[in-house]
């Protein structure tokens, strides 16, 4: 049997294992990713993680400024794809995703219809979910609403951050992409419509949304810290500077004023609306992330105070 003609569309590190596995099995004919972006102090143009991998694998690359441009649509049409696979990319216009002869599918990092949107991994942790997963679905005009092809569940271990969950789901998304391509190529599958009554949203989280509200219970604060770690990062104000808290656990210390902290026995304890947390990892403004014990080794300040 002839190998199917597959186009892969993606951008960040999360999409790289899926590109590798699909290329290994089918030989990806074309990769579509975002244009190189100016980054850092020198504003040097940097490629996406997907572009770097595609270059390494010697796969032809397209980096359209607009997904609606005539030139881009014509190129995709001339390639005549059987399948288009989309993972962590931009919103694909209907005139593009309908060009796949067998189908275009997206891999989404939640059990749809829960957590539709840009930040499903973050919101699953913030909301204290015990289970999440991945879903593949056929693309439709409305974002993240298409009929479901396959899903894969994942139990979230206690203490997982968004970064931990991101890393755990990466290889699973590659497995699910292969399974979904096999399913589509077989032609023997049933589409499962999404239940709109169970839909929830996972909008993008911005740094300005990440200030910690110390009046909340410790469990909510711990989940918020973990759900925004490592980026954009939950933060508080300490000595007029922003302090990011990247990992924490709930403390046995029960009573104290919200936002009041004490440093004792090499532990950084902060009181919340209910109970308290122990900070395990943090990032002072202008510094790299570090374990609390390493931070306290060089700390010469007050052993108690209040976070703003």
Protein backbone atom coordinates (compact mmCIF):
# COMPACT_ATOMS: atom_id res chain seq x y z
CA UNK A 1 0.00 0.00 0.00
CA UNK A 2 1.23 3.47 -0.89
CA UNK A 3 2.15 5.70 2.02
CA UNK A 4 -0.46 8.39 2.72
CA UNK A 5 0.36 12.01 1.96
CA UNK A 6 0.36 13.75 5.35
CA UNK A 7 0.87 17.40 6.25
CA UNK A 8 1.83 18.22 9.85
CA UNK A 9 1.04 21.64 11.33
CA UNK A 10 2.47 22.65 14.71
CA UNK A 11 4.70 25.07 16.56
CA UNK A 12 6.10 24.37 20.06
CA UNK A 13 8.20 21.68 21.73
CA UNK A 14 4.99 19.82 22.68
CA UNK A 15 4.40 19.00 18.99
CA UNK A 16 7.92 17.70 18.25
CA UNK A 17 7.58 14.04 19.40
CA UNK A 18 4.37 13.73 17.35
CA UNK A 19 6.12 15.04 14.24
CA UNK A 20 8.99 12.59 14.79
CA UNK A 21 6.74 9.55 15.26
CA UNK A 22 4.47 10.39 12.31
CA UNK A 23 7.49 10.93 10.08
CA UNK A 24 9.00 7.64 11.23
CA UNK A 25 5.84 5.73 10.36
CA UNK A 26 4.49 7.53 7.30
CA UNK A 27 7.09 10.03 6.07
CA UNK A 28 5.63 13.52 6.50
CA UNK A 29 5.50 15.30 3.14
CA UNK A 30 5.18 18.87 4.40
CA UNK A 31 5.44 20.76 7.70
CA UNK A 32 3.59 24.03 8.29
CA UNK A 33 4.70 26.19 11.20
CA UNK A 34 4.83 29.84 12.27
CA UNK A 35 7.31 32.36 10.82
CA UNK A 36 10.58 32.80 12.72
CA UNK A 37 10.24 35.28 15.60
CA UNK A 38 12.63 37.96 16.84
CA UNK A 39 13.68 37.03 20.38
CA UNK A 40 16.14 38.05 23.07
CA UNK A 41 18.13 41.23 23.48
CA UNK A 42 19.61 41.06 19.99
CA UNK A 43 16.15 40.36 18.50
CA UNK A 44 17.64 37.43 16.61
CA UNK A 45 15.16 35.55 14.42
CA UNK A 46 14.44 32.20 16.08
CA UNK A 47 12.66 29.24 14.47
CA UNK A 48 9.89 27.29 16.20
CA UNK A 49 10.77 23.94 17.81
CA UNK A 50 8.79 22.22 15.04
CA UNK A 51 10.79 24.00 12.32
CA UNK A 52 14.08 22.99 13.95
CA UNK A 53 13.01 19.34 13.97
CA UNK A 54 11.67 19.50 10.38
CA UNK A 55 15.02 20.93 9.20
CA UNK A 56 16.82 18.10 11.00
CA UNK A 57 14.50 15.53 9.37
CA UNK A 58 14.85 17.24 5.96
CA UNK A 59 11.09 17.75 5.57
CA UNK A 60 9.91 20.65 3.35
CA UNK A 61 8.62 23.57 5.46
CA UNK A 62 6.03 26.30 4.91
CA UNK A 63 5.87 29.36 7.20
CA UNK A 64 2.91 31.42 5.99
CA UNK A 65 2.22 34.85 7.47
CA UNK A 66 -1.45 34.34 6.67
CA UNK A 67 -3.25 31.00 6.58
CA UNK A 68 -5.82 32.56 4.25
CA UNK A 69 -3.36 33.71 1.59
CA UNK A 70 -4.04 32.44 -1.93
CA UNK A 71 -0.46 31.24 -2.29
CA UNK A 72 -0.62 29.14 0.89
CA UNK A 73 -4.00 27.60 0.02
CA UNK A 74 -2.78 26.84 -3.51
CA UNK A 75 0.38 25.13 -2.18
CA UNK A 76 -1.65 22.92 0.18
CA UNK A 77 -4.12 22.12 -2.61
CA UNK A 78 -1.32 21.16 -5.03
CA UNK A 79 0.25 18.90 -2.38
CA UNK A 80 -3.12 17.08 -2.39
CA UNK A 81 -2.93 15.71 1.19
CA UNK A 82 -4.75 12.63 2.41
CA UNK A 83 -4.54 13.77 6.04
CA UNK A 84 -3.68 17.03 7.79
CA UNK A 85 -2.55 16.67 11.42
CA UNK A 86 -2.72 19.78 13.62
CA UNK A 87 -1.13 20.10 17.06
CA UNK A 88 -0.56 23.32 19.01
CA UNK A 89 -0.89 25.53 15.93
CA UNK A 90 -3.03 28.45 14.80
CA UNK A 91 -6.75 28.32 13.97
CA UNK A 92 -6.95 26.70 10.56
CA UNK A 93 -9.43 28.20 8.06
CA UNK A 94 -12.09 25.96 6.54
CA UNK A 95 -10.69 26.48 3.04
CA UNK A 96 -7.48 24.78 4.23
CA UNK A 97 -8.67 21.90 6.43
CA UNK A 98 -11.24 20.77 3.83
CA UNK A 99 -8.39 20.12 1.35
CA UNK A 100 -7.47 16.81 3.05
CA UNK A 101 -9.04 13.94 1.10
CA UNK A 102 -9.51 11.66 4.13
CA UNK A 103 -9.67 14.24 6.90
CA UNK A 104 -7.98 16.92 9.00
CA UNK A 105 -7.70 16.31 12.72
CA UNK A 106 -6.46 18.19 15.76
CA UNK A 107 -4.85 16.76 18.90
CA UNK A 108 -6.09 18.62 21.98
CA UNK A 109 -4.61 18.28 25.48
CA UNK A 110 -7.85 17.59 27.35
CA UNK A 111 -10.76 15.17 27.37
CA UNK A 112 -13.08 17.18 25.16
CA UNK A 113 -15.54 18.82 25.46
CA UNK A 114 -13.85 19.81 28.76
CA UNK A 115 -11.23 22.57 28.59
CA UNK A 116 -11.66 23.90 25.07
CA UNK A 117 -9.17 26.66 24.35
CA UNK A 118 -5.51 27.62 24.49
CA UNK A 119 -4.54 26.47 28.01
CA UNK A 120 -6.16 23.10 28.82
CA UNK A 121 -3.12 21.77 30.70
CA UNK A 122 -2.95 24.81 33.00
CA UNK A 123 -6.65 24.86 33.82
CA UNK A 124 -6.82 21.13 34.59
CA UNK A 125 -4.19 21.65 37.32
CA UNK A 126 -5.67 24.95 38.56
CA UNK A 127 -9.06 23.27 38.99
CA UNK A 128 -7.56 20.33 40.88
CA UNK A 129 -8.57 17.70 38.32
CA UNK A 130 -7.47 14.14 39.11
CA UNK A 131 -7.77 13.06 35.49
CA UNK A 132 -7.24 14.63 32.07
CA UNK A 133 -5.98 13.35 28.74
CA UNK A 134 -5.82 13.91 25.01
CA UNK A 135 -8.48 13.98 22.31
CA UNK A 136 -8.30 13.80 18.54
CA UNK A 137 -11.20 15.32 16.62
CA UNK A 138 -12.06 16.28 13.06
CA UNK A 139 -11.65 19.97 12.37
CA UNK A 140 -14.75 22.11 12.03
CA UNK A 141 -15.22 25.84 11.58
CA UNK A 142 -15.83 26.43 15.31
CA UNK A 143 -12.67 25.88 17.39
CA UNK A 144 -12.33 22.63 19.40
CA UNK A 145 -15.90 21.50 18.65
CA UNK A 146 -15.42 18.80 15.99
CA UNK A 147 -16.54 15.19 16.27
CA UNK A 148 -14.24 13.05 18.41
CA UNK A 149 -12.16 10.27 16.83
CA UNK A 150 -10.16 8.96 19.81
CA UNK A 151 -9.22 9.94 23.36
CA UNK A 152 -6.60 8.82 25.85
CA UNK A 153 -6.99 9.32 29.61
CA UNK A 154 -4.20 10.29 32.01
CA UNK A 155 -4.34 10.20 35.83
CA UNK A 156 -2.73 13.35 37.24
CA UNK A 157 -0.31 12.52 40.08
CA UNK A 158 -0.58 14.66 43.21
CA UNK A 159 1.82 17.61 43.16
CA UNK A 160 2.07 17.75 39.34
CA UNK A 161 2.66 21.19 37.83
CA UNK A 162 1.49 22.30 34.38
CA UNK A 163 5.08 21.72 33.24
CA UNK A 164 5.04 18.16 34.58
CA UNK A 165 1.72 17.44 32.85
CA UNK A 166 2.95 19.00 29.58
CA UNK A 167 5.97 16.67 29.62
CA UNK A 168 3.87 13.60 30.47
CA UNK A 169 1.35 14.23 27.67
CA UNK A 170 3.96 14.91 24.95
CA UNK A 171 4.84 11.27 24.18
CA UNK A 172 1.20 10.21 24.59
CA UNK A 173 0.12 12.70 21.92
CA UNK A 174 2.52 11.03 19.48
CA UNK A 175 0.97 7.62 20.21
CA UNK A 176 -2.55 9.00 19.79
CA UNK A 177 -1.64 10.69 16.48
CA UNK A 178 -0.46 7.35 15.04
CA UNK A 179 -3.59 5.55 16.30
CA UNK A 180 -5.81 8.26 14.79
CA UNK A 181 -4.09 8.15 11.40
CA UNK A 182 -4.47 4.35 11.37
CA UNK A 183 -8.15 4.72 12.21
CA UNK A 184 -8.77 7.28 9.45
CA UNK A 185 -6.85 5.22 6.90
CA UNK A 186 -8.87 2.11 7.78
CA UNK A 187 -12.10 3.99 7.03
CA UNK A 188 -13.72 1.98 9.81
CA UNK A 189 -14.58 4.42 12.58
CA UNK A 190 -17.49 6.07 14.35
CA UNK A 191 -17.50 9.79 15.05
CA UNK A 192 -18.59 10.85 18.54
CA UNK A 193 -20.29 14.27 18.63
CA UNK A 194 -19.17 16.50 21.51
CA UNK A 195 -21.74 16.95 24.27
CA UNK A 196 -22.21 20.73 24.45
CA UNK A 197 -23.77 20.47 27.93
CA UNK A 198 -20.39 19.24 29.26
CA UNK A 199 -18.24 21.86 27.51
CA UNK A 200 -15.90 24.11 29.51
CA UNK A 201 -13.32 26.71 28.53
CA UNK A 202 -9.56 26.98 29.05
CA UNK A 203 -8.59 30.49 27.96
CA UNK A 204 -4.99 31.63 27.66
CA UNK A 205 -3.49 32.81 30.97
CA UNK A 206 -1.50 36.05 31.03
CA UNK A 207 1.13 37.10 33.62
CA UNK A 208 -1.11 39.90 34.93
CA UNK A 209 -3.76 37.27 35.80
CA UNK A 210 -1.33 35.35 38.00
CA UNK A 211 -1.10 37.41 41.20
CA UNK A 212 -1.77 35.14 44.18
CA UNK A 213 -4.81 35.94 46.31
CA UNK A 214 -3.66 34.87 49.79
CA UNK A 215 -7.23 35.03 51.15
CA UNK A 216 -8.06 31.82 49.26
CA UNK A 217 -7.71 28.37 50.90
CA UNK A 218 -4.24 26.77 50.75
CA UNK A 219 -5.39 23.99 48.42
CA UNK A 220 -6.71 26.48 45.84
CA UNK A 221 -3.50 28.51 46.07
CA UNK A 222 -1.33 25.40 45.72
CA UNK A 223 -3.32 24.34 42.63
CA UNK A 224 -3.05 27.84 41.16
CA UNK A 225 0.72 27.88 41.73
CA UNK A 226 1.13 24.48 40.10
CA UNK A 227 -1.26 25.26 37.24
CA UNK A 228 0.74 28.32 36.21
CA UNK A 229 4.19 26.76 36.70
CA UNK A 230 6.64 27.21 35.06
CA UNK A 231 4.92 29.82 32.89
CA UNK A 232 3.46 32.36 33.19
CA UNK A 233 4.11 31.75 36.92
CA UNK A 234 2.03 32.67 39.99
CA UNK A 235 3.48 35.68 41.76
CA UNK A 236 3.27 37.89 44.81
CA UNK A 237 4.92 41.17 45.80
CA UNK A 238 7.76 41.01 48.34
CA UNK A 239 9.86 44.09 49.13
CA UNK A 240 8.29 45.85 46.14
CA UNK A 241 9.54 43.14 43.78
CA UNK A 242 7.73 40.31 42.05
CA UNK A 243 8.39 36.86 43.50
CA UNK A 244 7.23 33.86 41.47
CA UNK A 245 6.24 30.73 43.37
CA UNK A 246 6.65 27.65 41.19
CA UNK A 247 6.04 24.69 43.50
CA UNK A 248 4.40 24.37 46.92
CA UNK A 249 2.68 21.96 49.29
CA UNK A 250 0.06 22.31 51.97
CA UNK A 251 1.46 22.83 55.49
CA UNK A 252 0.29 21.52 58.87
CA UNK A 253 0.41 25.10 60.20
CA UNK A 254 -3.27 25.96 60.44
CA UNK A 255 -3.65 29.51 61.73
CA UNK A 256 -2.21 32.83 60.67
CA UNK A 257 -3.01 36.06 58.83
CA UNK A 258 -3.46 35.62 55.06
CA UNK A 259 -0.22 36.49 53.25
CA UNK A 260 1.88 36.43 56.44
CA UNK A 261 5.04 34.35 56.03
CA UNK A 262 7.56 32.83 58.40
CA UNK A 263 10.93 31.30 57.61
CA UNK A 264 11.94 28.61 60.10
CA UNK A 265 13.77 25.27 60.04
CA UNK A 266 14.75 25.92 56.40
CA UNK A 267 11.07 26.16 55.44
CA UNK A 268 9.25 29.10 53.84
CA UNK A 269 5.67 28.99 55.18
CA UNK A 270 2.87 31.31 54.00
CA UNK A 271 -0.54 31.50 55.68
CA UNK A 272 -3.63 31.45 53.47
CA UNK A 273 -7.36 32.03 53.95
CA UNK A 274 -7.49 28.45 55.23
CA UNK A 275 -4.35 26.57 56.29
CA UNK A 276 -0.89 27.43 54.90
CA UNK A 277 1.55 26.43 52.17
CA UNK A 278 5.24 25.60 52.20
CA UNK A 279 7.10 27.05 49.20
CA UNK A 280 9.36 24.42 47.61
CA UNK A 281 10.53 26.29 44.50
CA UNK A 282 10.59 29.99 43.67
CA UNK A 283 12.02 32.61 41.36
CA UNK A 284 13.06 36.03 42.59
CA UNK A 285 12.79 38.90 40.10
CA UNK A 286 15.71 38.87 37.67
CA UNK A 287 16.95 35.49 38.89
CA UNK A 288 16.66 31.88 37.79
CA UNK A 289 14.19 29.43 39.38
CA UNK A 290 15.62 27.68 42.44
CA UNK A 291 14.73 25.30 45.23
CA UNK A 292 13.69 27.13 48.40
CA UNK A 293 16.50 25.56 50.43
CA UNK A 294 19.08 26.96 47.97
CA UNK A 295 17.41 30.38 48.07
CA UNK A 296 17.41 30.42 51.89
CA UNK A 297 21.10 29.45 52.04
CA UNK A 298 21.98 32.90 50.72
CA UNK A 299 19.08 34.79 52.32
CA UNK A 300 19.95 37.49 54.88
CA UNK A 301 16.56 39.21 55.28
CA UNK A 302 13.74 39.13 57.81
CA UNK A 303 12.38 35.75 58.93
CA UNK A 304 8.79 36.96 58.84
CA UNK A 305 6.68 39.48 56.97
CA UNK A 306 3.64 39.93 54.76
CA UNK A 307 3.27 39.42 51.01
CA UNK A 308 1.26 42.06 49.14
